[in-house]
Amino acid sequence: MTLLQKNTLLLFMVIILAVVPLIIIQDSEFGGADGVAEELITQINPNYEPWFVSFWSPPGGETESLLFALQAALGAGFLGYYVGYKKGQKVS
């Protein structure tokens, strides 16, 4: 198995790990800091109207957590790749 085939397989597996929970878990419930802040603001000022409304909301709270974790993983992967690449250039 070539390096390209291995990397393609790993990428495919990561995509599957990210998409399968979105399909399997439909009505998950997870509250975060945004929900708590919204409740507190509503208690302080019942007439408050948000200045922005999301154009898409995920099907469940766990989906939002999954997307956040995926974003963090992609960022960490990119930074790790860049640092390793630069270190490899320095050694050569």
Protein backbone atom coordinates (compact mmCIF):
# COMPACT_ATOMS: atom_id res chain seq x y z
CA MET A 1 0.00 0.00 0.00
CA THR A 2 1.50 3.32 -1.05
CA LEU A 3 1.68 6.39 1.14
CA LEU A 4 -1.00 8.12 -0.94
CA GLN A 5 -3.36 5.16 -0.50
CA LYS A 6 -2.75 5.12 3.27
CA ASN A 7 -3.41 8.86 3.57
CA THR A 8 -6.55 8.58 1.45
CA LEU A 9 -7.81 5.72 3.61
CA LEU A 10 -7.13 7.69 6.80
CA LEU A 11 -8.90 10.76 5.41
CA PHE A 12 -11.89 8.63 4.42
CA MET A 13 -12.04 7.12 7.91
CA VAL A 14 -11.95 10.58 9.52
CA ILE A 15 -14.80 11.74 7.30
CA ILE A 16 -16.82 8.65 8.24
CA LEU A 17 -16.15 9.29 11.95
CA ALA A 18 -17.42 12.84 11.54
CA VAL A 19 -20.51 12.06 9.43
CA VAL A 20 -21.84 8.85 11.02
CA PRO A 21 -22.74 10.47 14.39
CA LEU A 22 -24.60 13.21 12.51
CA ILE A 23 -26.76 10.55 10.89
CA ILE A 24 -27.19 8.19 13.85
CA ILE A 25 -27.84 10.68 16.69
CA GLN A 26 -30.87 12.76 15.73
CA ASP A 27 -32.41 14.26 18.87
CA SER A 28 -29.47 14.76 21.21
CA GLU A 29 -29.60 17.34 23.95
CA PHE A 30 -26.53 19.24 25.11
CA GLY A 31 -26.44 22.70 26.65
CA GLY A 32 -23.47 24.98 26.55
CA ALA A 33 -22.45 28.42 27.70
CA ASP A 34 -24.50 30.14 24.97
CA GLY A 35 -27.76 28.66 26.25
CA VAL A 36 -26.97 29.59 29.86
CA ALA A 37 -26.07 33.14 28.83
CA GLU A 38 -29.29 33.48 26.85
CA GLU A 39 -31.36 32.37 29.86
CA LEU A 40 -29.55 34.81 32.16
CA ILE A 41 -30.03 37.73 29.75
CA THR A 42 -33.73 36.88 29.45
CA GLN A 43 -34.05 36.90 33.24
CA ILE A 44 -32.33 40.29 33.50
CA ASN A 45 -34.13 41.91 30.58
CA PRO A 46 -37.23 40.05 29.32
CA ASN A 47 -37.61 42.50 26.38
CA TYR A 48 -34.14 41.77 24.97
CA GLU A 49 -34.07 40.85 21.29
CA PRO A 50 -30.93 39.24 19.80
CA TRP A 51 -29.29 41.24 17.03
CA PHE A 52 -28.36 38.11 15.06
CA VAL A 53 -30.15 34.85 14.30
CA SER A 54 -28.36 31.78 12.92
CA PHE A 55 -29.34 30.79 9.39
CA TRP A 56 -28.84 27.08 10.29
CA SER A 57 -29.04 25.31 13.58
CA PRO A 58 -27.76 21.76 13.97
CA PRO A 59 -30.26 18.96 14.63
CA GLY A 60 -28.98 18.50 18.20
CA GLY A 61 -26.55 19.92 20.72
CA GLU A 62 -24.16 17.02 20.28
CA THR A 63 -23.90 17.89 16.61
CA GLU A 64 -22.72 21.36 17.53
CA SER A 65 -20.10 19.87 19.87
CA LEU A 66 -19.00 17.46 17.15
CA LEU A 67 -18.55 20.26 14.63
CA PHE A 68 -16.59 22.32 17.17
CA ALA A 69 -14.31 19.36 17.96
CA LEU A 70 -13.84 18.67 14.25
CA GLN A 71 -12.86 22.28 13.68
CA ALA A 72 -10.35 22.10 16.54
CA ALA A 73 -8.91 18.83 15.22
CA LEU A 74 -8.49 20.23 11.71
CA GLY A 75 -6.77 23.33 13.07
CA ALA A 76 -4.45 21.27 15.26
CA GLY A 77 -3.68 18.97 12.32
CA PHE A 78 -2.83 21.91 10.10
CA LEU A 79 -0.61 23.53 12.75
CA GLY A 80 1.14 20.21 13.47
CA TYR A 81 1.74 19.63 9.77
CA TYR A 82 3.12 23.15 9.29
CA VAL A 83 5.47 22.94 12.29
CA GLY A 84 6.69 19.50 11.19
CA TYR A 85 7.18 20.70 7.63
CA LYS A 86 9.21 23.72 8.75
CA LYS A 87 11.29 21.56 11.09
CA GLY A 88 11.93 19.12 8.22
CA GLN A 89 13.08 21.99 6.01
CA LYS A 90 15.45 23.18 8.72
CA VAL A 91 17.07 19.72 9.10
CA SER A 92 17.58 19.17 5.35
